[in-house]
C-alpha atoms as a PDB file:
ATOM      1  CA  MET A   1      13.253 -19.668  -5.363  1.00  0.00           C
ATOM      2  CA  GLN A   2      13.698 -22.003  -8.412  1.00  0.00           C
ATOM      3  CA  ALA A   3      11.365 -24.491  -6.845  1.00  0.00           C
ATOM      4  CA  ILE A   4       8.679 -21.647  -6.486  1.00  0.00           C
ATOM      5  CA  GLU A   5       9.102 -20.872 -10.187  1.00  0.00           C
ATOM      6  CA  ARG A   6       8.234 -24.487 -11.029  1.00  0.00           C
ATOM      7  CA  PHE A   7       4.801 -24.316  -9.232  1.00  0.00           C
ATOM      8  CA  TRP A   8       2.081 -25.050 -11.757  1.00  0.00           C
ATOM      9  CA  ILE A   9       0.616 -21.540 -11.357  1.00  0.00           C
ATOM     10  CA  SER A  10       4.111 -19.946 -12.006  1.00  0.00           C
ATOM     11  CA  SER A  11       4.476 -21.949 -15.207  1.00  0.00           C
ATOM     12  CA  LEU A  12       0.858 -21.123 -16.271  1.00  0.00           C
ATOM     13  CA  MET A  13       1.329 -17.461 -15.730  1.00  0.00           C
ATOM     14  CA  ARG A  14       4.548 -17.489 -17.777  1.00  0.00           C
ATOM     15  CA  GLU A  15       3.152 -19.509 -20.643  1.00  0.00           C
ATOM     16  CA  SER A  16      -0.264 -17.877 -20.878  1.00  0.00           C
ATOM     17  CA  THR A  17      -0.642 -14.960 -23.293  1.00  0.00           C
ATOM     18  CA  TRP A  18      -3.280 -13.253 -21.121  1.00  0.00           C
ATOM     19  CA  LEU A  19      -2.954 -14.418 -17.478  1.00  0.00           C
ATOM     20  CA  TYR A  20       0.078 -12.392 -16.497  1.00  0.00           C
ATOM     21  CA  PRO A  21      -1.212  -9.178 -18.001  1.00  0.00           C
ATOM     22  CA  ALA A  22      -4.611  -9.777 -16.426  1.00  0.00           C
ATOM     23  CA  ILE A  23      -2.983 -10.249 -12.986  1.00  0.00           C
ATOM     24  CA  GLU A  24      -0.696  -7.227 -13.570  1.00  0.00           C
ATOM     25  CA  THR A  25      -3.974  -5.154 -14.247  1.00  0.00           C
ATOM     26  CA  ILE A  26      -5.603  -6.449 -10.990  1.00  0.00           C
ATOM     27  CA  HIS A  27      -2.332  -5.500  -9.311  1.00  0.00           C
ATOM     28  CA  LEU A  28      -2.511  -1.919 -10.575  1.00  0.00           C
ATOM     29  CA  LEU A  29      -6.161  -1.611  -9.671  1.00  0.00           C
ATOM     30  CA  GLY A  30      -5.441  -2.773  -6.270  1.00  0.00           C
ATOM     31  CA  MET A  31      -2.638  -0.249  -5.918  1.00  0.00           C
ATOM     32  CA  ALA A  32      -4.898   2.573  -7.199  1.00  0.00           C
ATOM     33  CA  VAL A  33      -7.520   1.751  -4.600  1.00  0.00           C
ATOM     34  CA  LEU A  34      -4.916   1.491  -1.879  1.00  0.00           C
ATOM     35  CA  PHE A  35      -2.967   4.670  -2.781  1.00  0.00           C
ATOM     36  CA  GLY A  36      -6.187   6.725  -3.394  1.00  0.00           C
ATOM     37  CA  SER A  37      -7.675   5.828  -0.004  1.00  0.00           C
ATOM     38  CA  ILE A  38      -4.514   6.463   1.778  1.00  0.00           C
ATOM     39  CA  VAL A  39      -4.137   9.835   0.075  1.00  0.00           C
ATOM     40  CA  LEU A  40      -7.471  10.836   1.353  1.00  0.00           C
ATOM     41  CA  VAL A  41      -6.723   9.831   4.949  1.00  0.00           C
ATOM     42  CA  ASP A  42      -3.259  11.289   4.989  1.00  0.00           C
ATOM     43  CA  LEU A  43      -4.420  14.566   3.594  1.00  0.00           C
ATOM     44  CA  ARG A  44      -6.987  14.845   6.424  1.00  0.00           C
ATOM     45  CA  LEU A  45      -4.474  13.849   8.978  1.00  0.00           C
ATOM     46  CA  MET A  46      -2.221  16.751   7.607  1.00  0.00           C
ATOM     47  CA  GLY A  47      -5.062  19.136   8.183  1.00  0.00           C
ATOM     48  CA  ILE A  48      -6.421  19.477   4.822  1.00  0.00           C
ATOM     49  CA  GLY A  49     -10.221  19.182   4.506  1.00  0.00           C
ATOM     50  CA  ARG A  50     -10.869  19.976   8.154  1.00  0.00           C
ATOM     51  CA  ASP A  51     -14.584  20.279   7.494  1.00  0.00           C
ATOM     52  CA  ILE A  52     -14.608  16.397   6.966  1.00  0.00           C
ATOM     53  CA  ASP A  53     -15.275  14.507   9.952  1.00  0.00           C
ATOM     54  CA  PRO A  54     -12.313  12.209  10.540  1.00  0.00           C
ATOM     55  CA  GLN A  55     -14.123   9.354  11.961  1.00  0.00           C
ATOM     56  CA  ARG A  56     -16.598   9.198   8.993  1.00  0.00           C
ATOM     57  CA  LEU A  57     -13.642   9.446   6.557  1.00  0.00           C
ATOM     58  CA  PHE A  58     -11.697   6.728   8.415  1.00  0.00           C
ATOM     59  CA  ARG A  59     -14.871   4.447   8.357  1.00  0.00           C
ATOM     60  CA  PHE A  60     -15.172   4.947   4.771  1.00  0.00           C
ATOM     61  CA  ALA A  61     -11.407   4.893   3.741  1.00  0.00           C
ATOM     62  CA  ILE A  62     -10.062   2.150   5.881  1.00  0.00           C
ATOM     63  CA  PRO A  63     -12.052  -0.695   4.455  1.00  0.00           C
ATOM     64  CA  LEU A  64     -11.005   0.502   1.006  1.00  0.00           C
ATOM     65  CA  THR A  65      -7.372   0.683   2.070  1.00  0.00           C
ATOM     66  CA  LEU A  66      -7.523  -2.957   3.385  1.00  0.00           C
ATOM     67  CA  ALA A  67      -9.328  -4.151   0.244  1.00  0.00           C
ATOM     68  CA  GLY A  68      -6.750  -2.461  -2.059  1.00  0.00           C
ATOM     69  CA  PHE A  69      -3.772  -3.879   0.095  1.00  0.00           C
ATOM     70  CA  LEU A  70      -5.274  -7.402  -0.085  1.00  0.00           C
ATOM     71  CA  LEU A  71      -5.872  -7.267  -3.778  1.00  0.00           C
ATOM     72  CA  ALA A  72      -2.420  -5.671  -4.489  1.00  0.00           C
ATOM     73  CA  GLY A  73      -0.765  -8.022  -2.261  1.00  0.00           C
ATOM     74  CA  ALA A  74      -2.350 -11.238  -3.581  1.00  0.00           C
ATOM     75  CA  SER A  75      -1.774 -10.295  -7.137  1.00  0.00           C
ATOM     76  CA  GLY A  76       1.807  -9.040  -6.456  1.00  0.00           C
ATOM     77  CA  PHE A  77       2.506 -12.379  -4.881  1.00  0.00           C
ATOM     78  CA  MET A  78       1.247 -14.087  -8.049  1.00  0.00           C
ATOM     79  CA  LEU A  79       3.480 -11.962 -10.215  1.00  0.00           C
ATOM     80  CA  PHE A  80       6.387 -12.584  -7.844  1.00  0.00           C
ATOM     81  CA  LEU A  81       5.935 -16.445  -8.315  1.00  0.00           C
ATOM     82  CA  THR A  82       6.793 -16.106 -12.113  1.00  0.00           C
ATOM     83  CA  GLU A  83      10.212 -14.891 -11.535  1.00  0.00           C
ATOM     84  CA  ALA A  84      11.035 -15.273  -7.852  1.00  0.00           C
ATOM     85  CA  SER A  85      14.763 -15.902  -8.348  1.00  0.00           C
ATOM     86  CA  THR A  86      15.055 -12.602 -10.315  1.00  0.00           C
ATOM     87  CA  PHE A  87      13.028 -10.576  -7.861  1.00  0.00           C
ATOM     88  CA  ILE A  88      14.658 -11.772  -4.645  1.00  0.00           C
ATOM     89  CA  ALA A  89      18.004 -10.957  -6.142  1.00  0.00           C
ATOM     90  CA  SER A  90      16.908  -7.489  -6.930  1.00  0.00           C
ATOM     91  CA  ARG A  91      17.834  -4.884  -4.351  1.00  0.00           C
ATOM     92  CA  LEU A  92      15.002  -2.684  -5.703  1.00  0.00           C
ATOM     93  CA  PHE A  93      12.451  -5.349  -4.962  1.00  0.00           C
ATOM     94  CA  VAL A  94      13.884  -5.960  -1.461  1.00  0.00           C
ATOM     95  CA  LEU A  95      13.661  -2.295  -0.811  1.00  0.00           C
ATOM     96  CA  LYS A  96      10.193  -2.102  -2.143  1.00  0.00           C
ATOM     97  CA  ILE A  97       9.070  -4.931   0.091  1.00  0.00           C
ATOM     98  CA  SER A  98      10.858  -3.517   3.134  1.00  0.00           C
ATOM     99  CA  LEU A  99       9.338  -0.154   2.525  1.00  0.00           C
ATOM    100  CA  ILE A 100       5.812  -1.656   2.344  1.00  0.00           C
ATOM    101  CA  PHE A 101       6.476  -3.391   5.807  1.00  0.00           C
ATOM    102  CA  MET A 102       7.552  -0.082   7.283  1.00  0.00           C
ATOM    103  CA  LEU A 103       4.422   1.714   5.701  1.00  0.00           C
ATOM    104  CA  VAL A 104       2.125  -1.010   7.221  1.00  0.00           C
ATOM    105  CA  CYS A 105       3.686  -0.536  10.680  1.00  0.00           C
ATOM    106  CA  ASN A 106       3.495   3.386  10.291  1.00  0.00           C
ATOM    107  CA  ALA A 107      -0.276   2.922   9.379  1.00  0.00           C
ATOM    108  CA  ALA A 108      -0.958   0.659  12.230  1.00  0.00           C
ATOM    109  CA  SER A 109       0.867   2.917  14.576  1.00  0.00           C
ATOM    110  CA  VAL A 110      -1.288   5.990  13.469  1.00  0.00           C
ATOM    111  CA  HIS A 111      -4.487   4.079  13.538  1.00  0.00           C
ATOM    112  CA  LEU A 112      -3.839   2.761  17.126  1.00  0.00           C
ATOM    113  CA  ARG A 113      -2.944   6.280  18.343  1.00  0.00           C
ATOM    114  CA  ILE A 114      -6.106   7.863  16.661  1.00  0.00           C
ATOM    115  CA  LYS A 115      -8.332   5.145  17.972  1.00  0.00           C
ATOM    116  CA  GLN A 116      -7.037   5.703  21.461  1.00  0.00           C
ATOM    117  CA  ASP A 117      -7.283   9.444  21.424  1.00  0.00           C
ATOM    118  CA  ILE A 118      -9.899  10.537  18.935  1.00  0.00           C
ATOM    119  CA  GLY A 119     -11.751  12.582  21.673  1.00  0.00           C
ATOM    120  CA  PRO A 120      -8.821  14.897  22.349  1.00  0.00           C
ATOM    121  CA  TYR A 121      -8.289  15.550  18.546  1.00  0.00           C
ATOM    122  CA  ARG A 122     -11.903  16.667  18.354  1.00  0.00           C
ATOM    123  CA  ASP A 123     -11.451  19.025  21.233  1.00  0.00           C
ATOM    124  CA  ARG A 124      -8.493  20.591  19.422  1.00  0.00           C
ATOM    125  CA  GLY A 125     -10.665  21.388  16.384  1.00  0.00           C
ATOM    126  CA  ASP A 126      -9.559  18.192  14.687  1.00  0.00           C
ATOM    127  CA  GLU A 127      -6.051  19.279  14.647  1.00  0.00           C
ATOM    128  CA  PHE A 128      -3.750  16.118  14.816  1.00  0.00           C
ATOM    129  CA  PRO A 129      -0.485  16.212  16.666  1.00  0.00           C
ATOM    130  CA  PRO A 130       2.670  17.123  14.701  1.00  0.00           C
ATOM    131  CA  LEU A 131       3.901  13.508  14.923  1.00  0.00           C
ATOM    132  CA  ILE A 132       0.713  12.232  13.285  1.00  0.00           C
ATOM    133  CA  ARG A 133       0.942  14.871  10.579  1.00  0.00           C
ATOM    134  CA  LEU A 134       4.563  13.962   9.899  1.00  0.00           C
ATOM    135  CA  GLN A 135       3.628  10.210   9.681  1.00  0.00           C
ATOM    136  CA  ALA A 136       0.861  11.174   7.078  1.00  0.00           C
ATOM    137  CA  VAL A 137       3.519  13.016   4.966  1.00  0.00           C
ATOM    138  CA  LEU A 138       5.823  10.181   5.189  1.00  0.00           C
ATOM    139  CA  SER A 139       3.134   7.657   4.341  1.00  0.00           C
ATOM    140  CA  MET A 140       2.197   9.572   1.131  1.00  0.00           C
ATOM    141  CA  LEU A 141       5.728   9.808   0.099  1.00  0.00           C
ATOM    142  CA  GLY A 142       6.474   6.278   0.941  1.00  0.00           C
ATOM    143  CA  TRP A 143       3.500   4.836  -0.975  1.00  0.00           C
ATOM    144  CA  ALA A 144       4.367   7.037  -3.943  1.00  0.00           C
ATOM    145  CA  ALA A 145       7.919   5.422  -3.850  1.00  0.00           C
ATOM    146  CA  VAL A 146       6.457   2.047  -3.604  1.00  0.00           C
ATOM    147  CA  LEU A 147       4.431   2.775  -6.806  1.00  0.00           C
ATOM    148  CA  ALA A 148       7.524   4.099  -8.554  1.00  0.00           C
ATOM    149  CA  MET A 149       9.613   1.141  -7.610  1.00  0.00           C
ATOM    150  CA  GLY A 150       6.990  -1.210  -8.835  1.00  0.00           C
ATOM    151  CA  ARG A 151       7.177   0.426 -12.342  1.00  0.00           C
ATOM    152  CA  TRP A 152      10.974   0.462 -12.235  1.00  0.00           C
ATOM    153  CA  LEU A 153      11.042  -3.218 -11.584  1.00  0.00           C
ATOM    154  CA  ALA A 154       9.461  -3.915 -14.934  1.00  0.00           C
ATOM    155  CA  TYR A 155      12.539  -2.137 -16.668  1.00  0.00           C
ATOM    156  CA  LEU A 156      15.450  -2.882 -14.426  1.00  0.00           C
END
């Protein structure tokens, strides 16, 4: 981890007055787009907003989710480079990264199940099965926890 901290970009971010805060701002914007689009999809999966066509919402929100995830991930990686040793030793950081991995797996699971079975959901009046509704609730709670952990990392 100390070798990573010696990369030129790591040093530049630590020494620059404006670069670290600029990357952190980009990270927060990425998280806002990510979380905002996930909330819309998860609320729809839970049955809120049944007058909204799920396929149209998914076509709109999923690219935003991916863009937010890539933006937050890339900028988060840059932030990690500045203090890799400290972050990797932090249980909170490891928990945050582990939770992100689980949430991505959860999202992939939901996406694949819906993509395969969107017809039957329409036949039920867009009522999604209980397991998908549970996954949506866990997704919202999990991403909210990721946001909270990210803030706590700055102070612990």
